[in-house]
Amino acid sequence: MIASTPIGGSEEVILNNEIIFPLVQTIGLKGVVFTDAGNAYGADETISLDNTRFSAGAGLRWLSPVGPLRVELGKPFNTKPHDQKSLLLFSFGGPFQY
């Protein structure tokens, strides 16, 4: 809780848009740029763009011999005081479209 306000919800709305493009085709290295939007809401809350978080970022994806790897950096547009200012993600073997 932050300032006596619970964080989270029982309902969620998520929108993701990605553009994936080849960087080094011989080794299967790809780039990605993305935008995300979404938030969690309580069952009694109205979904509103005022409460929706928006972010964008870029990253690298590689279908390595041991499985898919990715590193991505995301930056939020409309942060609240308790939100992260950016997020660096490393993923190994995660489910992503390649």
PDB file of N, CA and C in Angstrom:
ATOM      1  N   MET A   1       0.835  -1.194   0.000  1.00  0.00           N
ATOM      2  CA  MET A   1       0.000   0.000   0.000  1.00  0.00           C
ATOM      3  C   MET A   1       0.875   1.252   0.000  1.00  0.00           C
ATOM      4  N   ILE A   2       0.412   2.221  -0.705  1.00  0.00           N
ATOM      5  CA  ILE A   2       1.082   3.516  -0.744  1.00  0.00           C
ATOM      6  C   ILE A   2       0.062   4.543  -0.292  1.00  0.00           C
ATOM      7  N   ALA A   3       0.375   5.273   0.738  1.00  0.00           N
ATOM      8  CA  ALA A   3      -0.526   6.308   1.263  1.00  0.00           C
ATOM      9  C   ALA A   3      -1.930   5.743   1.499  1.00  0.00           C
ATOM     10  N   SER A   4      -1.994   4.558   2.093  1.00  0.00           N
ATOM     11  CA  SER A   4      -3.259   3.887   2.424  1.00  0.00           C
ATOM     12  C   SER A   4      -4.098   3.540   1.201  1.00  0.00           C
ATOM     13  N   THR A   5      -3.503   3.503   0.027  1.00  0.00           N
ATOM     14  CA  THR A   5      -4.216   3.134  -1.187  1.00  0.00           C
ATOM     15  C   THR A   5      -3.671   1.800  -1.688  1.00  0.00           C
ATOM     16  N   PRO A   6      -4.525   0.776  -1.769  1.00  0.00           N
ATOM     17  CA  PRO A   6      -4.023  -0.513  -2.264  1.00  0.00           C
ATOM     18  C   PRO A   6      -3.637  -0.431  -3.738  1.00  0.00           C
ATOM     19  N   ILE A   7      -2.630  -1.207  -4.116  1.00  0.00           N
ATOM     20  CA  ILE A   7      -2.191  -1.279  -5.503  1.00  0.00           C
ATOM     21  C   ILE A   7      -2.596  -2.642  -6.044  1.00  0.00           C
ATOM     22  N   GLY A   8      -3.217  -2.669  -7.207  1.00  0.00           N
ATOM     23  CA  GLY A   8      -3.635  -3.932  -7.808  1.00  0.00           C
ATOM     24  C   GLY A   8      -5.093  -3.881  -8.169  1.00  0.00           C
ATOM     25  N   GLY A   9      -5.639  -5.018  -8.523  1.00  0.00           N
ATOM     26  CA  GLY A   9      -7.043  -5.074  -8.882  1.00  0.00           C
ATOM     27  C   GLY A   9      -7.458  -6.475  -9.256  1.00  0.00           C
ATOM     28  N   SER A  10      -8.737  -6.643  -9.444  1.00  0.00           N
ATOM     29  CA  SER A  10      -9.273  -7.945  -9.835  1.00  0.00           C
ATOM     30  C   SER A  10      -9.550  -8.018 -11.335  1.00  0.00           C
ATOM     31  N   GLU A  11      -9.471  -6.898 -12.020  1.00  0.00           N
ATOM     32  CA  GLU A  11      -9.690  -6.825 -13.468  1.00  0.00           C
ATOM     33  C   GLU A  11      -8.496  -6.106 -14.087  1.00  0.00           C
ATOM     34  N   GLU A  12      -8.204  -6.424 -15.349  1.00  0.00           N
ATOM     35  CA  GLU A  12      -7.104  -5.739 -16.020  1.00  0.00           C
ATOM     36  C   GLU A  12      -7.437  -5.491 -17.483  1.00  0.00           C
ATOM     37  N   VAL A  13      -6.843  -4.432 -18.010  1.00  0.00           N
ATOM     38  CA  VAL A  13      -6.927  -4.113 -19.434  1.00  0.00           C
ATOM     39  C   VAL A  13      -5.496  -3.909 -19.911  1.00  0.00           C
ATOM     40  N   ILE A  14      -5.101  -4.638 -20.955  1.00  0.00           N
ATOM     41  CA  ILE A  14      -3.732  -4.568 -21.462  1.00  0.00           C
ATOM     42  C   ILE A  14      -3.764  -4.473 -22.981  1.00  0.00           C
ATOM     43  N   LEU A  15      -2.955  -3.575 -23.521  1.00  0.00           N
ATOM     44  CA  LEU A  15      -2.801  -3.440 -24.967  1.00  0.00           C
ATOM     45  C   LEU A  15      -1.307  -3.384 -25.265  1.00  0.00           C
ATOM     46  N   ASN A  16      -0.852  -4.190 -26.218  1.00  0.00           N
ATOM     47  CA  ASN A  16       0.560  -4.238 -26.581  1.00  0.00           C
ATOM     48  C   ASN A  16       0.675  -4.211 -28.100  1.00  0.00           C
ATOM     49  N   ASN A  17       1.604  -3.411 -28.598  1.00  0.00           N
ATOM     50  CA  ASN A  17       1.867  -3.350 -30.030  1.00  0.00           C
ATOM     51  C   ASN A  17       3.375  -3.428 -30.227  1.00  0.00           C
ATOM     52  N   GLU A  18       3.828  -4.341 -31.091  1.00  0.00           N
ATOM     53  CA  GLU A  18       5.258  -4.530 -31.326  1.00  0.00           C
ATOM     54  C   GLU A  18       5.565  -4.519 -32.817  1.00  0.00           C
ATOM     55  N   ILE A  19       6.723  -3.998 -33.149  1.00  0.00           N
ATOM     56  CA  ILE A  19       7.278  -4.132 -34.493  1.00  0.00           C
ATOM     57  C   ILE A  19       8.603  -4.866 -34.325  1.00  0.00           C
ATOM     58  N   ILE A  20       8.695  -6.041 -34.925  1.00  0.00           N
ATOM     59  CA  ILE A  20       9.894  -6.875 -34.840  1.00  0.00           C
ATOM     60  C   ILE A  20      10.559  -6.864 -36.214  1.00  0.00           C
ATOM     61  N   PHE A  21      11.871  -6.656 -36.232  1.00  0.00           N
ATOM     62  CA  PHE A  21      12.586  -6.539 -37.503  1.00  0.00           C
ATOM     63  C   PHE A  21      13.943  -7.231 -37.405  1.00  0.00           C
ATOM     64  N   PRO A  22      14.439  -7.776 -38.514  1.00  0.00           N
ATOM     65  CA  PRO A  22      15.731  -8.473 -38.489  1.00  0.00           C
ATOM     66  C   PRO A  22      16.890  -7.491 -38.341  1.00  0.00           C
ATOM     67  N   LEU A  23      17.873  -7.893 -37.542  1.00  0.00           N
ATOM     68  CA  LEU A  23      19.116  -7.121 -37.416  1.00  0.00           C
ATOM     69  C   LEU A  23      20.273  -7.878 -38.060  1.00  0.00           C
ATOM     70  N   VAL A  24      20.501  -9.111 -37.609  1.00  0.00           N
ATOM     71  CA  VAL A  24      21.545  -9.965 -38.173  1.00  0.00           C
ATOM     72  C   VAL A  24      20.891 -11.309 -38.477  1.00  0.00           C
ATOM     73  N   GLN A  25      20.429 -11.482 -39.704  1.00  0.00           N
ATOM     74  CA  GLN A  25      19.660 -12.672 -40.063  1.00  0.00           C
ATOM     75  C   GLN A  25      20.451 -13.967 -39.922  1.00  0.00           C
ATOM     76  N   THR A  26      21.750 -13.931 -40.166  1.00  0.00           N
ATOM     77  CA  THR A  26      22.545 -15.163 -40.129  1.00  0.00           C
ATOM     78  C   THR A  26      22.580 -15.799 -38.747  1.00  0.00           C
ATOM     79  N   ILE A  27      22.415 -15.006 -37.688  1.00  0.00           N
ATOM     80  CA  ILE A  27      22.410 -15.572 -36.330  1.00  0.00           C
ATOM     81  C   ILE A  27      21.044 -15.469 -35.660  1.00  0.00           C
ATOM     82  N   GLY A  28      20.054 -14.958 -36.382  1.00  0.00           N
ATOM     83  CA  GLY A  28      18.700 -14.887 -35.829  1.00  0.00           C
ATOM     84  C   GLY A  28      18.482 -13.765 -34.832  1.00  0.00           C
ATOM     85  N   LEU A  29      19.258 -12.691 -34.925  1.00  0.00           N
ATOM     86  CA  LEU A  29      19.109 -11.553 -34.017  1.00  0.00           C
ATOM     87  C   LEU A  29      18.096 -10.570 -34.592  1.00  0.00           C
ATOM     88  N   LYS A  30      17.133 -10.206 -33.751  1.00  0.00           N
ATOM     89  CA  LYS A  30      16.091  -9.274 -34.186  1.00  0.00           C
ATOM     90  C   LYS A  30      15.992  -8.109 -33.213  1.00  0.00           C
ATOM     91  N   GLY A  31      15.487  -6.997 -33.723  1.00  0.00           N
ATOM     92  CA  GLY A  31      15.183  -5.837 -32.890  1.00  0.00           C
ATOM     93  C   GLY A  31      13.681  -5.737 -32.703  1.00  0.00           C
ATOM     94  N   VAL A  32      13.274  -5.013 -31.688  1.00  0.00           N
ATOM     95  CA  VAL A  32      11.851  -4.803 -31.435  1.00  0.00           C
ATOM     96  C   VAL A  32      11.657  -3.400 -30.874  1.00  0.00           C
ATOM     97  N   VAL A  33      10.613  -2.740 -31.314  1.00  0.00           N
ATOM     98  CA  VAL A  33      10.133  -1.510 -30.683  1.00  0.00           C
ATOM     99  C   VAL A  33       8.684  -1.782 -30.294  1.00  0.00           C
ATOM    100  N   PHE A  34       8.262  -1.224 -29.167  1.00  0.00           N
ATOM    101  CA  PHE A  34       6.934  -1.558 -28.670  1.00  0.00           C
ATOM    102  C   PHE A  34       6.289  -0.397 -27.932  1.00  0.00           C
ATOM    103  N   THR A  35       4.985  -0.466 -27.843  1.00  0.00           N
ATOM    104  CA  THR A  35       4.199   0.410 -26.974  1.00  0.00           C
ATOM    105  C   THR A  35       3.276  -0.486 -26.155  1.00  0.00           C
ATOM    106  N   ASP A  36       3.045  -0.092 -24.925  1.00  0.00           N
ATOM    107  CA  ASP A  36       2.163  -0.825 -24.019  1.00  0.00           C
ATOM    108  C   ASP A  36       1.209   0.152 -23.362  1.00  0.00           C
ATOM    109  N   ALA A  37       0.038  -0.331 -23.035  1.00  0.00           N
ATOM    110  CA  ALA A  37      -0.934   0.444 -22.266  1.00  0.00           C
ATOM    111  C   ALA A  37      -1.717  -0.529 -21.405  1.00  0.00           C
ATOM    112  N   GLY A  38      -2.105  -0.083 -20.220  1.00  0.00           N
ATOM    113  CA  GLY A  38      -2.924  -0.950 -19.385  1.00  0.00           C
ATOM    114  C   GLY A  38      -2.967  -0.497 -17.946  1.00  0.00           C
ATOM    115  N   ASN A  39      -3.782  -1.208 -17.176  1.00  0.00           N
ATOM    116  CA  ASN A  39      -3.888  -0.966 -15.747  1.00  0.00           C
ATOM    117  C   ASN A  39      -4.737  -2.063 -15.136  1.00  0.00           C
ATOM    118  N   ALA A  40      -4.705  -2.141 -13.823  1.00  0.00           N
ATOM    119  CA  ALA A  40      -5.556  -3.057 -13.065  1.00  0.00           C
ATOM    120  C   ALA A  40      -6.643  -2.237 -12.384  1.00  0.00           C
ATOM    121  N   TYR A  41      -7.817  -2.817 -12.292  1.00  0.00           N
ATOM    122  CA  TYR A  41      -8.974  -2.122 -11.735  1.00  0.00           C
ATOM    123  C   TYR A  41      -9.707  -3.037 -10.773  1.00  0.00           C
ATOM    124  N   GLY A  42     -10.377  -2.446  -9.800  1.00  0.00           N
ATOM    125  CA  GLY A  42     -11.278  -3.191  -8.944  1.00  0.00           C
ATOM    126  C   GLY A  42     -12.573  -3.460  -9.689  1.00  0.00           C
ATOM    127  N   ALA A  43     -13.319  -4.460  -9.247  1.00  0.00           N
ATOM    128  CA  ALA A  43     -14.564  -4.837  -9.927  1.00  0.00           C
ATOM    129  C   ALA A  43     -15.572  -3.692  -9.950  1.00  0.00           C
ATOM    130  N   ASP A  44     -15.492  -2.782  -8.984  1.00  0.00           N
ATOM    131  CA  ASP A  44     -16.447  -1.673  -8.911  1.00  0.00           C
ATOM    132  C   ASP A  44     -15.934  -0.391  -9.569  1.00  0.00           C
ATOM    133  N   GLU A  45     -14.734  -0.435 -10.169  1.00  0.00           N
ATOM    134  CA  GLU A  45     -14.156   0.753 -10.801  1.00  0.00           C
ATOM    135  C   GLU A  45     -14.535   0.840 -12.274  1.00  0.00           C
ATOM    136  N   THR A  46     -14.603   2.056 -12.782  1.00  0.00           N
ATOM    137  CA  THR A  46     -14.833   2.294 -14.199  1.00  0.00           C
ATOM    138  C   THR A  46     -13.485   2.399 -14.900  1.00  0.00           C
ATOM    139  N   ILE A  47     -13.350   1.725 -16.023  1.00  0.00           N
ATOM    140  CA  ILE A  47     -12.117   1.809 -16.805  1.00  0.00           C
ATOM    141  C   ILE A  47     -12.023   3.205 -17.404  1.00  0.00           C
ATOM    142  N   SER A  48     -10.863   3.841 -17.206  1.00  0.00           N
ATOM    143  CA  SER A  48     -10.695   5.223 -17.630  1.00  0.00           C
ATOM    144  C   SER A  48      -9.303   5.432 -18.209  1.00  0.00           C
ATOM    145  N   LEU A  49      -9.209   6.218 -19.262  1.00  0.00           N
ATOM    146  CA  LEU A  49      -7.894   6.561 -19.808  1.00  0.00           C
ATOM    147  C   LEU A  49      -7.069   7.370 -18.819  1.00  0.00           C
ATOM    148  N   ASP A  50      -7.722   8.081 -17.899  1.00  0.00           N
ATOM    149  CA  ASP A  50      -6.993   8.860 -16.895  1.00  0.00           C
ATOM    150  C   ASP A  50      -6.143   7.968 -16.003  1.00  0.00           C
ATOM    151  N   ASN A  51      -6.579   6.733 -15.770  1.00  0.00           N
ATOM    152  CA  ASN A  51      -5.859   5.810 -14.895  1.00  0.00           C
ATOM    153  C   ASN A  51      -4.988   4.821 -15.660  1.00  0.00           C
ATOM    154  N   THR A  52      -5.021   4.883 -16.974  1.00  0.00           N
ATOM    155  CA  THR A  52      -4.264   3.939 -17.794  1.00  0.00           C
ATOM    156  C   THR A  52      -2.813   4.383 -17.892  1.00  0.00           C
ATOM    157  N   ARG A  53      -1.895   3.425 -17.740  1.00  0.00           N
ATOM    158  CA  ARG A  53      -0.470   3.712 -17.874  1.00  0.00           C
ATOM    159  C   ARG A  53      -0.052   3.417 -19.314  1.00  0.00           C
ATOM    160  N   PHE A  54       0.838   4.238 -19.851  1.00  0.00           N
ATOM    161  CA  PHE A  54       1.351   4.082 -21.206  1.00  0.00           C
ATOM    162  C   PHE A  54       2.872   4.034 -21.150  1.00  0.00           C
ATOM    163  N   SER A  55       3.479   3.198 -21.988  1.00  0.00           N
ATOM    164  CA  SER A  55       4.939   3.131 -22.049  1.00  0.00           C
ATOM    165  C   SER A  55       5.372   2.719 -23.454  1.00  0.00           C
ATOM    166  N   ALA A  56       6.654   2.903 -23.724  1.00  0.00           N
ATOM    167  CA  ALA A  56       7.244   2.493 -25.000  1.00  0.00           C
ATOM    168  C   ALA A  56       8.668   2.045 -24.734  1.00  0.00           C
ATOM    169  N   GLY A  57       9.212   1.294 -25.664  1.00  0.00           N
ATOM    170  CA  GLY A  57      10.576   0.836 -25.474  1.00  0.00           C
ATOM    171  C   GLY A  57      11.121   0.139 -26.700  1.00  0.00           C
ATOM    172  N   ALA A  58      12.307  -0.437 -26.514  1.00  0.00           N
ATOM    173  CA  ALA A  58      12.998  -1.136 -27.590  1.00  0.00           C
ATOM    174  C   ALA A  58      13.831  -2.252 -26.986  1.00  0.00           C
ATOM    175  N   GLY A  59      14.202  -3.200 -27.825  1.00  0.00           N
ATOM    176  CA  GLY A  59      15.005  -4.298 -27.314  1.00  0.00           C
ATOM    177  C   GLY A  59      15.586  -5.162 -28.406  1.00  0.00           C
ATOM    178  N   LEU A  60      16.251  -6.220 -27.949  1.00  0.00           N
ATOM    179  CA  LEU A  60      16.865  -7.216 -28.822  1.00  0.00           C
ATOM    180  C   LEU A  60      16.288  -8.581 -28.485  1.00  0.00           C
ATOM    181  N   ARG A  61      16.088  -9.402 -29.504  1.00  0.00           N
ATOM    182  CA  ARG A  61      15.619 -10.773 -29.314  1.00  0.00           C
ATOM    183  C   ARG A  61      16.495 -11.697 -30.148  1.00  0.00           C
ATOM    184  N   TRP A  62      16.886 -12.804 -29.527  1.00  0.00           N
ATOM    185  CA  TRP A  62      17.766 -13.742 -30.201  1.00  0.00           C
ATOM    186  C   TRP A  62      17.286 -15.154 -29.942  1.00  0.00           C
ATOM    187  N   LEU A  63      17.041 -15.888 -30.998  1.00  0.00           N
ATOM    188  CA  LEU A  63      16.684 -17.292 -30.875  1.00  0.00           C
ATOM    189  C   LEU A  63      17.991 -18.075 -30.828  1.00  0.00           C
ATOM    190  N   SER A  64      18.554 -18.205 -29.634  1.00  0.00           N
ATOM    191  CA  SER A  64      19.865 -18.826 -29.448  1.00  0.00           C
ATOM    192  C   SER A  64      19.752 -20.351 -29.526  1.00  0.00           C
ATOM    193  N   PRO A  65      20.880 -21.043 -29.611  1.00  0.00           N
ATOM    194  CA  PRO A  65      20.849 -22.508 -29.637  1.00  0.00           C
ATOM    195  C   PRO A  65      20.244 -23.129 -28.371  1.00  0.00           C
ATOM    196  N   VAL A  66      20.239 -22.392 -27.264  1.00  0.00           N
ATOM    197  CA  VAL A  66      19.674 -22.931 -26.017  1.00  0.00           C
ATOM    198  C   VAL A  66      18.282 -22.388 -25.725  1.00  0.00           C
ATOM    199  N   GLY A  67      17.737 -21.606 -26.636  1.00  0.00           N
ATOM    200  CA  GLY A  67      16.385 -21.077 -26.448  1.00  0.00           C
ATOM    201  C   GLY A  67      16.337 -19.578 -26.665  1.00  0.00           C
ATOM    202  N   PRO A  68      15.124 -19.013 -26.663  1.00  0.00           N
ATOM    203  CA  PRO A  68      14.977 -17.577 -26.916  1.00  0.00           C
ATOM    204  C   PRO A  68      15.507 -16.724 -25.761  1.00  0.00           C
ATOM    205  N   LEU A  69      16.210 -15.662 -26.126  1.00  0.00           N
ATOM    206  CA  LEU A  69      16.731 -14.687 -25.167  1.00  0.00           C
ATOM    207  C   LEU A  69      16.238 -13.311 -25.588  1.00  0.00           C
ATOM    208  N   ARG A  70      16.006 -12.444 -24.605  1.00  0.00           N
ATOM    209  CA  ARG A  70      15.650 -11.070 -24.952  1.00  0.00           C
ATOM    210  C   ARG A  70      16.102 -10.113 -23.857  1.00  0.00           C
ATOM    211  N   VAL A  71      16.382  -8.893 -24.281  1.00  0.00           N
ATOM    212  CA  VAL A  71      16.663  -7.785 -23.374  1.00  0.00           C
ATOM    213  C   VAL A  71      15.906  -6.588 -23.930  1.00  0.00           C
ATOM    214  N   GLU A  72      15.149  -5.930 -23.059  1.00  0.00           N
ATOM    215  CA  GLU A  72      14.322  -4.804 -23.492  1.00  0.00           C
ATOM    216  C   GLU A  72      14.357  -3.703 -22.441  1.00  0.00           C
ATOM    217  N   LEU A  73      14.269  -2.474 -22.902  1.00  0.00           N
ATOM    218  CA  LEU A  73      14.203  -1.314 -22.021  1.00  0.00           C
ATOM    219  C   LEU A  73      12.897  -0.591 -22.296  1.00  0.00           C
ATOM    220  N   GLY A  74      12.090  -0.412 -21.263  1.00  0.00           N
ATOM    221  CA  GLY A  74      10.818   0.288 -21.392  1.00  0.00           C
ATOM    222  C   GLY A  74      10.819   1.564 -20.582  1.00  0.00           C
ATOM    223  N   LYS A  75      10.131   2.567 -21.068  1.00  0.00           N
ATOM    224  CA  LYS A  75      10.062   3.876 -20.414  1.00  0.00           C
ATOM    225  C   LYS A  75       8.602   4.311 -20.343  1.00  0.00           C
ATOM    226  N   PRO A  76       8.076   4.544 -19.140  1.00  0.00           N
ATOM    227  CA  PRO A  76       6.684   4.989 -19.018  1.00  0.00           C
ATOM    228  C   PRO A  76       6.518   6.458 -19.394  1.00  0.00           C
ATOM    229  N   PHE A  77       5.319   6.795 -19.908  1.00  0.00           N
ATOM    230  CA  PHE A  77       5.009   8.172 -20.284  1.00  0.00           C
ATOM    231  C   PHE A  77       4.374   8.960 -19.146  1.00  0.00           C
ATOM    232  N   ASN A  78       3.468   8.359 -18.432  1.00  0.00           N
ATOM    233  CA  ASN A  78       2.677   9.082 -17.425  1.00  0.00           C
ATOM    234  C   ASN A  78       2.792   8.398 -16.063  1.00  0.00           C
ATOM    235  N   THR A  79       3.918   8.581 -15.418  1.00  0.00           N
ATOM    236  CA  THR A  79       4.164   7.906 -14.145  1.00  0.00           C
ATOM    237  C   THR A  79       3.442   8.583 -12.992  1.00  0.00           C
ATOM    238  N   LYS A  80       3.152   7.789 -12.008  1.00  0.00           N
ATOM    239  CA  LYS A  80       2.663   8.257 -10.715  1.00  0.00           C
ATOM    240  C   LYS A  80       3.861   8.212  -9.764  1.00  0.00           C
ATOM    241  N   PRO A  81       3.781   8.855  -8.611  1.00  0.00           N
ATOM    242  CA  PRO A  81       4.945   8.921  -7.718  1.00  0.00           C
ATOM    243  C   PRO A  81       5.539   7.559  -7.336  1.00  0.00           C
ATOM    244  N   HIS A  82       4.737   6.515  -7.236  1.00  0.00           N
ATOM    245  CA  HIS A  82       5.234   5.207  -6.815  1.00  0.00           C
ATOM    246  C   HIS A  82       5.653   4.307  -7.984  1.00  0.00           C
ATOM    247  N   ASP A  83       5.523   4.776  -9.227  1.00  0.00           N
ATOM    248  CA  ASP A  83       5.869   3.966 -10.398  1.00  0.00           C
ATOM    249  C   ASP A  83       7.372   3.971 -10.659  1.00  0.00           C
ATOM    250  N   GLN A  84       7.849   2.903 -11.322  1.00  0.00           N
ATOM    251  CA  GLN A  84       9.235   2.871 -11.762  1.00  0.00           C
ATOM    252  C   GLN A  84       9.422   3.859 -12.907  1.00  0.00           C
ATOM    253  N   LYS A  85      10.603   4.452 -13.001  1.00  0.00           N
ATOM    254  CA  LYS A  85      10.882   5.433 -14.052  1.00  0.00           C
ATOM    255  C   LYS A  85      11.301   4.770 -15.358  1.00  0.00           C
ATOM    256  N   SER A  86      11.819   3.565 -15.292  1.00  0.00           N
ATOM    257  CA  SER A  86      12.132   2.762 -16.469  1.00  0.00           C
ATOM    258  C   SER A  86      12.319   1.324 -16.001  1.00  0.00           C
ATOM    259  N   LEU A  87      12.317   0.395 -16.940  1.00  0.00           N
ATOM    260  CA  LEU A  87      12.454  -1.011 -16.593  1.00  0.00           C
ATOM    261  C   LEU A  87      13.331  -1.688 -17.628  1.00  0.00           C
ATOM    262  N   LEU A  88      14.378  -2.359 -17.158  1.00  0.00           N
ATOM    263  CA  LEU A  88      15.241  -3.155 -18.016  1.00  0.00           C
ATOM    264  C   LEU A  88      14.881  -4.613 -17.779  1.00  0.00           C
ATOM    265  N   LEU A  89      14.494  -5.321 -18.832  1.00  0.00           N
ATOM    266  CA  LEU A  89      14.022  -6.697 -18.729  1.00  0.00           C
ATOM    267  C   LEU A  89      14.985  -7.640 -19.427  1.00  0.00           C
ATOM    268  N   PHE A  90      15.367  -8.698 -18.722  1.00  0.00           N
ATOM    269  CA  PHE A  90      16.114  -9.805 -19.307  1.00  0.00           C
ATOM    270  C   PHE A  90      15.218 -11.032 -19.229  1.00  0.00           C
ATOM    271  N   SER A  91      15.128 -11.781 -20.304  1.00  0.00           N
ATOM    272  CA  SER A  91      14.277 -12.968 -20.305  1.00  0.00           C
ATOM    273  C   SER A  91      14.978 -14.090 -21.046  1.00  0.00           C
ATOM    274  N   PHE A  92      14.884 -15.282 -20.485  1.00  0.00           N
ATOM    275  CA  PHE A  92      15.440 -16.474 -21.109  1.00  0.00           C
ATOM    276  C   PHE A  92      14.334 -17.513 -21.234  1.00  0.00           C
ATOM    277  N   GLY A  93      14.060 -17.947 -22.446  1.00  0.00           N
ATOM    278  CA  GLY A  93      13.080 -18.998 -22.657  1.00  0.00           C
ATOM    279  C   GLY A  93      11.640 -18.557 -22.504  1.00  0.00           C
ATOM    280  N   GLY A  94      11.415 -17.247 -22.386  1.00  0.00           N
ATOM    281  CA  GLY A  94      10.058 -16.751 -22.213  1.00  0.00           C
ATOM    282  C   GLY A  94       9.243 -16.873 -23.482  1.00  0.00           C
ATOM    283  N   PRO A  95       7.938 -16.898 -23.335  1.00  0.00           N
ATOM    284  CA  PRO A  95       7.086 -17.013 -24.522  1.00  0.00           C
ATOM    285  C   PRO A  95       6.959 -15.679 -25.248  1.00  0.00           C
ATOM    286  N   PHE A  96       7.620 -15.542 -26.351  1.00  0.00           N
ATOM    287  CA  PHE A  96       7.419 -14.373 -27.200  1.00  0.00           C
ATOM    288  C   PHE A  96       7.425 -14.816 -28.648  1.00  0.00           C
ATOM    289  N   GLN A  97       6.740 -14.065 -29.441  1.00  0.00           N
ATOM    290  CA  GLN A  97       6.634 -14.374 -30.870  1.00  0.00           C
ATOM    291  C   GLN A  97       7.982 -14.148 -31.523  1.00  0.00           C
ATOM    292  N   TYR A  98       8.494 -15.101 -32.216  1.00  0.00           N
ATOM    293  CA  TYR A  98       9.755 -14.931 -32.910  1.00  0.00           C
ATOM    294  C   TYR A  98       9.527 -15.181 -34.355  1.00  0.00           C
TER     295      TYR A  98
END
